Amino acid sequence: MKVHLSYGRHGLDVELPDDADVLLPERTPALPRPEAAVREALRQPLVSRPLSALLRPSDSVAIVISDITRPVPNQLLLPPILEAVADAGIPRQQVVIVNATGTHRPNTREELLAMVGPEVLDGYRIVQHDARDRASLAFVTTSARGVEVHVNAEYLHADVKILTGFVEPHIFAGYSGGGKAVLPGIAGADIIMSNHGADMLSHPKATWCETVGNLIFEEMRDVALATRPTFLVNVTLNEEKEITGVFAGDMVAAHDTGIAQAGRQALRPISRLYDIVVTTNMGHPADINFYQAGKGASVAVRALREGGAVILTAECADGLGLEDFVELLTSEASPAALLDKLHAPGFAQYEQWGAQCWAMIQRQAEFYLYSSMPAETARAAHVIPCNDVSATVQELARRHRAEQGSEPSIAVLPHGHLTVPQPPA
């Protein structure tokens, strides 16, 4: 059978055995009038007064948006928010849009144009967060674990603070959205490094769709609340990246409601574990590099028997990722050796969490990668380059029959981590 995989901007068609199980998110139709739904959510928010009632002409306003690695429909979210700000008599020079890059690279003008559109890009001041630039940060509090918390000063000093984002399952934070716009989105490097530290990521609750007892999720929320956000606007999306829900108002109430919707769409019970899993990283922009593609790889392992094989399709147009991540990922001969390094007392390096996520799953499976990267680059990242997904599945099936004397079980996640398999207990 032919299966269309989310890959890059245009997708990838592959031929797979007819008995392969295609695991899809719960089919959820798009809202028929998404911009109208955003406006209504601003007027009728959760556990909050309407956004318009929270604004005064003298206010300074900071609006936090997600960077290019997230498929947030900023061009639908921003106009209604900015209209509410303008209707309150707040001039544009009192408004700043903060691009929540976390520790990612700044976005190019072309990327910002695609994210927010020409009217917003040319009509408003946009600040690209830099987690390592201490001069651009302001102190908020000290975390429960004793780490000083600094965040973007333009955001913290604004009278009105509006967080936006996209709620989806997350590899170690449980779900994205909500407080993640602040930590790691606009936080300083010290608290990001601590929140994403090796011991935190190794906690059994730091995984897909877990929030209660997830120390990473809980700290993200606590830090965000310490900054006293005024209003949250989050959305859920379907596999076509269409809006299926808008959740606005009080940060906790709106985020929790969005999480419930994202869980209904993504969680998919399975009755068995599979020998081979074909997966994606949701296509562009989520599969922009190998660092981000670890999410689609990780969610596939949830459906895989121990020692099975994963074939990941991720374009990786930006290559492996930022320099710190690449240096660490390729520094050891094996994922096991890399994990030993990461857990060594006192070890800390930027982007170590991405390398750790990859190393943790690479111990459990054989990984193949179909991407636009050179084969030697893939090998340096401890994955096997794949030039043809269909042929690789056929070869893995042939090998399984020769070794096991049976047909392999095969699963496909065409939309990557928009589907989260729930294996049998």
Protein backbone atom coordinates (compact mmCIF):
# COMPACT_ATOMS: atom_id res chain seq x y z
CA MET A 1 0.00 0.00 0.00
CA LYS A 2 1.04 3.61 -0.55
CA VAL A 3 1.42 5.81 2.54
CA HIS A 4 2.01 9.56 2.46
CA LEU A 5 4.49 10.66 5.12
CA SER A 6 4.85 14.18 6.51
CA TYR A 7 8.32 15.13 5.26
CA GLY A 8 9.72 18.56 4.53
CA ARG A 9 7.30 20.91 2.83
CA HIS A 10 5.76 18.48 0.36
CA GLY A 11 5.67 15.05 1.98
CA LEU A 12 6.96 11.67 0.87
CA ASP A 13 5.05 8.75 -0.66
CA VAL A 14 6.29 5.27 0.23
CA GLU A 15 5.17 1.72 -0.57
CA LEU A 16 4.74 -0.49 2.48
CA PRO A 17 3.34 -3.99 3.09
CA ASP A 18 -0.45 -4.16 3.06
CA ASP A 19 -0.54 -5.60 6.58
CA ALA A 20 1.34 -2.65 8.13
CA ASP A 21 -0.64 -0.81 10.81
CA VAL A 22 -1.01 2.90 10.07
CA LEU A 23 -1.29 4.77 13.37
CA LEU A 24 -3.01 8.12 12.96
CA PRO A 25 -4.13 10.79 15.41
CA GLU A 26 -7.84 10.96 16.12
CA ARG A 27 -9.35 12.62 13.07
CA THR A 28 -10.32 16.08 14.30
CA PRO A 29 -11.85 18.55 11.85
CA ALA A 30 -10.49 22.06 11.58
CA LEU A 31 -12.49 24.89 13.07
CA PRO A 32 -14.53 26.31 10.15
CA ARG A 33 -13.64 29.94 10.95
CA PRO A 34 -10.38 29.83 12.90
CA GLU A 35 -9.73 33.57 13.11
CA ALA A 36 -13.27 34.12 14.35
CA ALA A 37 -12.65 31.39 16.93
CA VAL A 38 -9.56 33.23 18.14
CA ARG A 39 -11.54 36.47 18.47
CA GLU A 40 -14.27 34.69 20.40
CA ALA A 41 -11.71 33.10 22.73
CA LEU A 42 -10.31 36.57 23.47
CA ARG A 43 -13.84 37.77 24.28
CA GLN A 44 -14.88 34.68 26.26
CA PRO A 45 -11.67 33.39 27.91
CA LEU A 46 -11.23 30.74 30.57
CA VAL A 47 -11.02 31.97 34.19
CA SER A 48 -10.16 35.49 33.07
CA ARG A 49 -11.74 38.74 32.04
CA PRO A 50 -11.74 39.37 28.27
CA LEU A 51 -8.41 40.50 26.89
CA SER A 52 -9.87 43.92 26.05
CA ALA A 53 -10.74 44.45 29.73
CA LEU A 54 -7.12 43.84 30.75
CA LEU A 55 -5.69 46.61 28.56
CA ARG A 56 -5.25 50.34 29.23
CA PRO A 57 -3.91 53.02 26.84
CA SER A 58 -0.82 53.57 29.00
CA ASP A 59 0.19 49.88 29.05
CA SER A 60 3.30 48.44 27.51
CA VAL A 61 2.56 45.06 25.94
CA ALA A 62 4.82 42.05 25.26
CA ILE A 63 3.53 39.20 23.10
CA VAL A 64 5.57 35.99 23.08
CA ILE A 65 5.50 33.85 19.92
CA SER A 66 7.11 30.50 19.09
CA ASP A 67 10.11 30.38 16.75
CA ILE A 68 10.39 28.76 13.31
CA THR A 69 10.74 25.22 14.72
CA ARG A 70 7.07 25.17 15.77
CA PRO A 71 4.11 25.17 13.35
CA VAL A 72 2.19 27.78 15.34
CA PRO A 73 -0.27 29.68 13.10
CA ASN A 74 0.98 33.10 14.19
CA GLN A 75 -0.61 34.78 11.19
CA LEU A 76 -4.02 33.74 12.57
CA LEU A 77 -3.27 34.41 16.24
CA LEU A 78 -1.54 37.76 16.10
CA PRO A 79 -4.03 39.94 14.15
CA PRO A 80 -6.93 39.52 16.65
CA ILE A 81 -4.56 40.08 19.60
CA LEU A 82 -3.02 43.16 18.02
CA GLU A 83 -6.45 44.51 17.12
CA ALA A 84 -7.53 44.20 20.75
CA VAL A 85 -4.39 46.06 21.78
CA ALA A 86 -4.99 48.81 19.22
CA ASP A 87 -8.68 49.10 20.14
CA ALA A 88 -7.61 49.76 23.73
CA GLY A 89 -5.76 52.85 22.53
CA ILE A 90 -2.27 51.38 22.94
CA PRO A 91 0.10 52.72 20.26
CA ARG A 92 2.35 50.35 18.35
CA GLN A 93 5.50 51.79 19.87
CA GLN A 94 4.35 50.40 23.23
CA VAL A 95 4.12 46.85 21.82
CA VAL A 96 6.96 44.35 21.45
CA ILE A 97 6.76 40.84 20.00
CA VAL A 98 9.31 38.48 21.56
CA ASN A 99 10.41 35.53 19.44
CA ALA A 100 10.84 32.65 21.91
CA THR A 101 13.94 30.98 20.54
CA GLY A 102 15.02 29.31 23.79
CA THR A 103 18.58 28.28 22.96
CA HIS A 104 17.83 27.91 19.23
CA ARG A 105 19.38 30.19 16.60
CA PRO A 106 17.71 33.51 15.76
CA ASN A 107 15.32 33.38 12.81
CA THR A 108 16.10 35.04 9.50
CA ARG A 109 13.99 37.85 8.09
CA GLU A 110 12.55 35.40 5.54
CA GLU A 111 11.57 33.01 8.32
CA LEU A 112 10.00 35.80 10.37
CA LEU A 113 8.09 36.91 7.28
CA ALA A 114 6.70 33.39 6.89
CA MET A 115 5.87 33.23 10.60
CA VAL A 116 4.07 36.54 11.12
CA GLY A 117 3.43 38.06 7.69
CA PRO A 118 4.62 41.39 6.23
CA GLU A 119 2.21 43.68 8.09
CA VAL A 120 3.33 42.48 11.52
CA LEU A 121 7.00 42.15 10.59
CA ASP A 122 7.19 45.69 9.23
CA GLY A 123 4.67 47.27 11.59
CA TYR A 124 5.84 46.07 15.00
CA ARG A 125 9.11 45.75 16.87
CA ILE A 126 10.22 42.11 17.07
CA VAL A 127 12.91 41.05 19.53
CA GLN A 128 14.69 37.73 19.10
CA HIS A 129 15.38 36.23 22.51
CA ASP A 130 18.99 35.35 23.32
CA ALA A 131 19.26 33.04 26.33
CA ARG A 132 23.01 33.63 26.64
CA ASP A 133 22.90 37.44 26.55
CA ARG A 134 22.73 38.27 30.26
CA ALA A 135 22.34 41.98 29.49
CA SER A 136 18.97 41.30 27.81
CA LEU A 137 17.61 39.33 30.80
CA ALA A 138 16.06 40.27 34.13
CA PHE A 139 15.97 38.34 37.40
CA VAL A 140 12.63 36.80 38.40
CA THR A 141 13.16 34.39 41.27
CA THR A 142 15.23 31.45 42.48
CA SER A 143 13.84 28.05 41.57
CA ALA A 144 12.92 25.43 44.18
CA ARG A 145 16.16 23.67 43.22
CA GLY A 146 18.21 26.79 43.95
CA VAL A 147 18.83 28.06 40.42
CA GLU A 148 18.50 31.75 39.62
CA VAL A 149 15.76 32.38 37.06
CA HIS A 150 16.26 35.16 34.52
CA VAL A 151 13.93 35.84 31.61
CA ASN A 152 13.74 38.26 28.71
CA ALA A 153 13.70 41.74 30.25
CA GLU A 154 11.42 43.28 27.62
CA TYR A 155 8.80 40.68 28.48
CA LEU A 156 9.23 40.85 32.23
CA HIS A 157 9.04 44.64 32.41
CA ALA A 158 5.92 44.91 30.24
CA ASP A 159 2.64 45.86 31.92
CA VAL A 160 0.73 43.25 29.90
CA LYS A 161 2.33 39.90 29.11
CA ILE A 162 0.63 37.68 26.51
CA LEU A 163 1.87 34.13 25.84
CA THR A 164 0.97 32.27 22.66
CA GLY A 165 1.76 28.76 21.45
CA PHE A 166 0.72 25.32 20.26
CA VAL A 167 -0.25 22.43 22.53
CA GLU A 168 1.12 19.07 21.36
CA PRO A 169 2.66 16.02 23.04
CA HIS A 170 6.27 16.66 24.05
CA ILE A 171 9.17 14.25 24.40
CA PHE A 172 10.07 15.20 28.01
CA ALA A 173 7.82 18.11 29.03
CA GLY A 174 4.63 16.06 28.63
CA TYR A 175 2.97 18.70 26.48
CA SER A 176 4.12 21.90 24.85
CA GLY A 177 2.32 25.23 25.13
CA GLY A 178 1.48 27.02 28.35
CA GLY A 179 4.49 27.89 30.49
CA LYS A 180 6.90 26.48 27.92
CA ALA A 181 6.67 29.86 26.17
CA VAL A 182 8.61 31.26 29.14
CA LEU A 183 10.81 28.28 30.08
CA PRO A 184 12.64 27.56 27.86
CA GLY A 185 11.17 30.02 25.32
CA ILE A 186 12.37 33.33 26.76
CA ALA A 187 14.40 32.15 29.77
CA GLY A 188 18.08 32.53 30.53
CA ALA A 189 20.54 29.77 29.76
CA ASP A 190 21.16 28.84 33.41
CA ILE A 191 17.59 27.82 34.20
CA ILE A 192 17.19 26.13 30.80
CA MET A 193 20.32 24.07 31.44
CA SER A 194 19.02 23.13 34.89
CA ASN A 195 15.47 22.34 33.78
CA HIS A 196 16.78 20.24 30.88
CA GLY A 197 19.56 18.61 32.92
CA ALA A 198 20.52 14.94 32.66
CA ASP A 199 18.86 13.87 35.91
CA MET A 200 15.66 15.75 35.06
CA LEU A 201 15.40 14.09 31.65
CA SER A 202 16.08 10.68 33.17
CA HIS A 203 13.10 10.92 35.52
CA PRO A 204 10.46 8.30 34.58
CA LYS A 205 7.71 10.94 34.45
CA ALA A 206 9.67 13.16 32.03
CA THR A 207 8.04 11.70 28.98
CA TRP A 208 5.23 11.94 26.47
CA CYS A 209 1.84 13.17 27.75
CA GLU A 210 2.82 13.05 31.44
CA THR A 211 2.27 16.19 33.51
CA VAL A 212 1.50 15.07 37.07
CA GLY A 213 4.81 14.30 38.74
CA ASN A 214 6.76 15.48 35.70
CA LEU A 215 9.38 17.71 37.32
CA ILE A 216 10.23 19.42 34.04
CA PHE A 217 6.61 20.33 33.26
CA GLU A 218 5.96 21.47 36.82
CA GLU A 219 9.02 23.72 36.93
CA MET A 220 8.19 25.23 33.54
CA ARG A 221 4.73 26.12 34.81
CA ASP A 222 6.02 27.46 38.14
CA VAL A 223 8.62 29.69 36.47
CA ALA A 224 6.07 31.02 33.98
CA LEU A 225 3.63 31.85 36.78
CA ALA A 226 6.39 33.66 38.67
CA THR A 227 6.58 36.12 35.77
CA ARG A 228 2.87 36.93 36.27
CA PRO A 229 1.61 36.40 32.71
CA THR A 230 -1.54 38.36 31.91
CA PHE A 231 -3.11 36.14 29.26
CA LEU A 232 -2.50 32.93 27.33
CA VAL A 233 -3.57 32.06 23.78
CA ASN A 234 -2.85 28.45 22.78
CA VAL A 235 -4.15 26.29 19.95
CA THR A 236 -4.27 22.62 19.04
CA LEU A 237 -3.70 21.49 15.45
CA ASN A 238 -4.56 18.42 13.39
CA GLU A 239 -2.23 16.58 11.02
CA GLU A 240 -2.90 19.17 8.32
CA LYS A 241 -1.70 21.88 10.75
CA GLU A 242 -5.24 23.27 10.90
CA ILE A 243 -6.58 24.74 14.13
CA THR A 244 -8.85 22.35 16.03
CA GLY A 245 -9.20 24.35 19.25
CA VAL A 246 -8.39 27.75 20.74
CA PHE A 247 -7.68 28.04 24.48
CA ALA A 248 -7.34 31.52 25.94
CA GLY A 249 -7.36 33.22 29.31
CA ASP A 250 -5.72 32.23 32.60
CA MET A 251 -2.48 30.38 31.83
CA VAL A 252 -3.19 27.27 33.89
CA ALA A 253 -6.88 26.91 33.03
CA ALA A 254 -6.39 27.52 29.31
CA HIS A 255 -3.33 25.29 29.08
CA ASP A 256 -4.98 22.41 30.95
CA THR A 257 -7.98 22.60 28.63
CA GLY A 258 -5.68 22.58 25.62
CA ILE A 259 -3.78 19.59 27.02
CA ALA A 260 -7.03 17.64 27.35
CA GLN A 261 -7.81 18.33 23.68
CA ALA A 262 -4.28 17.46 22.52
CA GLY A 263 -4.44 14.19 24.47
CA ARG A 264 -7.75 13.23 22.88
CA GLN A 265 -6.27 13.79 19.45
CA ALA A 266 -2.86 12.18 19.96
CA LEU A 267 -3.08 9.23 22.34
CA ARG A 268 -3.54 5.97 20.45
CA PRO A 269 -3.78 2.63 22.32
CA ILE A 270 -1.96 -0.25 20.64
CA SER A 271 -2.41 -3.94 21.39
CA ARG A 272 1.17 -5.03 20.69
CA LEU A 273 4.72 -3.82 20.14
CA TYR A 274 6.14 -3.86 16.62
CA ASP A 275 9.30 -5.18 15.00
CA ILE A 276 9.63 -2.21 12.60
CA VAL A 277 8.28 1.33 12.97
CA VAL A 278 8.34 3.96 10.22
CA THR A 279 7.95 7.49 11.57
CA THR A 280 8.30 11.19 10.74
CA ASN A 281 8.84 14.46 12.59
CA MET A 282 5.62 16.09 11.31
CA GLY A 283 7.30 17.61 8.24
CA HIS A 284 8.29 21.26 7.91
CA PRO A 285 9.06 23.17 10.05
CA ALA A 286 9.32 20.54 12.80
CA ASP A 287 11.81 18.39 10.84
CA ILE A 288 14.15 21.32 10.13
CA ASN A 289 17.11 19.53 11.77
CA PHE A 290 18.19 16.29 13.42
CA TYR A 291 17.99 17.87 16.89
CA GLN A 292 14.25 18.45 16.49
CA ALA A 293 13.73 15.09 14.75
CA GLY A 294 14.47 13.24 17.97
CA LYS A 295 10.82 13.75 18.90
CA GLY A 296 9.48 11.68 16.04
CA ALA A 297 12.14 9.05 16.71
CA SER A 298 11.33 8.90 20.42
CA VAL A 299 7.59 8.48 19.96
CA ALA A 300 8.23 5.59 17.55
CA VAL A 301 10.17 3.71 20.24
CA ARG A 302 7.00 3.65 22.37
CA ALA A 303 5.52 1.27 19.78
CA LEU A 304 8.67 -0.80 19.25
CA ARG A 305 9.77 -4.08 20.75
CA GLU A 306 13.19 -4.07 22.35
CA GLY A 307 15.85 -4.40 19.68
CA GLY A 308 13.52 -3.51 16.82
CA ALA A 309 14.21 -1.06 14.01
CA VAL A 310 13.00 2.49 13.43
CA ILE A 311 13.07 4.26 10.07
CA LEU A 312 12.82 8.01 10.58
CA THR A 313 12.04 10.35 7.70
CA ALA A 314 13.05 13.93 8.51
CA GLU A 315 14.33 16.39 5.92
CA CYS A 316 16.89 18.09 8.24
CA ALA A 317 17.34 21.01 5.85
CA ASP A 318 19.44 22.74 8.54
CA GLY A 319 21.56 19.62 9.08
CA LEU A 320 22.14 18.14 12.51
CA GLY A 321 21.53 21.32 14.51
CA LEU A 322 23.48 23.94 16.42
CA GLU A 323 27.21 23.58 17.02
CA ASP A 324 27.01 22.63 20.71
CA PHE A 325 24.53 19.84 19.99
CA VAL A 326 26.53 18.49 17.06
CA GLU A 327 29.80 18.56 18.98
CA LEU A 328 28.31 16.62 21.86
CA LEU A 329 26.29 14.16 19.78
CA THR A 330 29.32 13.15 17.74
CA SER A 331 31.87 13.22 20.57
CA GLU A 332 31.58 9.58 21.61
CA ALA A 333 31.74 6.28 19.77
CA SER A 334 28.36 5.06 21.02
CA PRO A 335 25.13 6.32 22.61
CA ALA A 336 26.00 4.42 25.82
CA ALA A 337 29.34 6.22 26.09
CA LEU A 338 27.58 9.53 25.48
CA LEU A 339 25.12 8.88 28.29
CA ASP A 340 28.01 8.11 30.64
CA LYS A 341 29.53 11.48 29.76
CA LEU A 342 26.23 13.32 30.27
CA HIS A 343 25.71 11.80 33.72
CA ALA A 344 29.26 12.45 34.91
CA PRO A 345 29.28 14.65 38.05
CA GLY A 346 29.40 18.32 37.18
CA PHE A 347 28.99 17.86 33.43
CA ALA A 348 27.01 20.61 31.71
CA GLN A 349 26.95 21.77 28.09
CA TYR A 350 24.50 23.70 25.97
CA GLU A 351 22.07 21.52 24.01
CA GLN A 352 22.95 18.44 26.06
CA TRP A 353 19.27 17.57 26.40
CA GLY A 354 18.93 16.98 22.65
CA ALA A 355 21.93 14.66 22.66
CA GLN A 356 20.58 12.86 25.74
CA CYS A 357 17.16 12.31 24.20
CA TRP A 358 18.77 10.77 21.14
CA ALA A 359 21.21 8.62 23.14
CA MET A 360 18.44 7.27 25.39
CA ILE A 361 16.40 5.96 22.47
CA GLN A 362 19.37 4.84 20.38
CA ARG A 363 20.23 2.32 23.10
CA GLN A 364 16.86 0.69 22.52
CA ALA A 365 16.66 0.34 18.75
CA GLU A 366 18.41 0.25 15.41
CA PHE A 367 17.86 3.61 13.71
CA TYR A 368 17.70 4.40 10.00
CA LEU A 369 17.35 7.96 8.69
CA TYR A 370 15.94 9.18 5.40
CA SER A 371 16.92 12.86 5.07
CA SER A 372 18.56 15.44 2.84
CA MET A 373 21.85 15.20 4.78
CA PRO A 374 24.98 13.47 3.43
CA ALA A 375 25.35 9.84 4.50
CA GLU A 376 28.51 10.55 6.50
CA THR A 377 26.67 13.19 8.54
CA ALA A 378 23.97 10.68 9.47
CA ARG A 379 26.57 8.07 10.45
CA ALA A 380 28.30 10.59 12.69
CA ALA A 381 25.00 10.93 14.55
CA HIS A 382 24.89 7.16 15.20
CA VAL A 383 22.12 6.43 12.67
CA ILE A 384 22.19 4.40 9.46
CA PRO A 385 21.55 6.46 6.31
CA CYS A 386 18.57 5.31 4.26
CA ASN A 387 18.17 6.19 0.58
CA ASP A 388 14.85 4.42 0.00
CA VAL A 389 12.30 3.87 2.77
CA SER A 390 10.38 1.13 0.95
CA ALA A 391 13.53 -0.82 0.09
CA THR A 392 14.81 -0.51 3.66
CA VAL A 393 11.55 -1.90 5.05
CA GLN A 394 11.76 -4.78 2.59
CA GLU A 395 15.34 -5.57 3.61
CA LEU A 396 14.51 -5.40 7.33
CA ALA A 397 11.52 -7.70 6.75
CA ARG A 398 13.69 -10.16 4.81
CA ARG A 399 16.25 -10.16 7.62
CA HIS A 400 13.54 -10.69 10.24
CA ARG A 401 12.11 -13.67 8.36
CA ALA A 402 15.57 -15.21 8.06
CA GLU A 403 16.38 -14.71 11.75
CA GLN A 404 12.99 -15.22 13.38
CA GLY A 405 11.18 -17.47 10.90
CA SER A 406 8.10 -15.22 10.89
CA GLU A 407 6.69 -12.12 9.23
CA PRO A 408 7.61 -8.92 11.04
CA SER A 409 4.98 -6.63 12.50
CA ILE A 410 5.17 -3.12 11.05
CA ALA A 411 3.69 0.17 12.22
CA VAL A 412 3.69 3.57 10.51
CA LEU A 413 3.33 6.98 12.16
CA PRO A 414 2.82 9.26 9.12
CA HIS A 415 2.57 12.37 11.29
CA GLY A 416 5.20 11.52 13.89
CA HIS A 417 4.52 12.74 17.39
CA LEU A 418 1.00 13.93 16.59
CA THR A 419 0.31 10.26 17.36
CA VAL A 420 1.50 8.92 20.72
CA PRO A 421 1.19 5.12 20.97
CA GLN A 422 -0.01 3.75 24.29
CA PRO A 423 1.47 0.24 24.55
CA PRO A 424 -0.23 -2.54 26.47
CA ALA A 425 0.51 -2.61 30.20
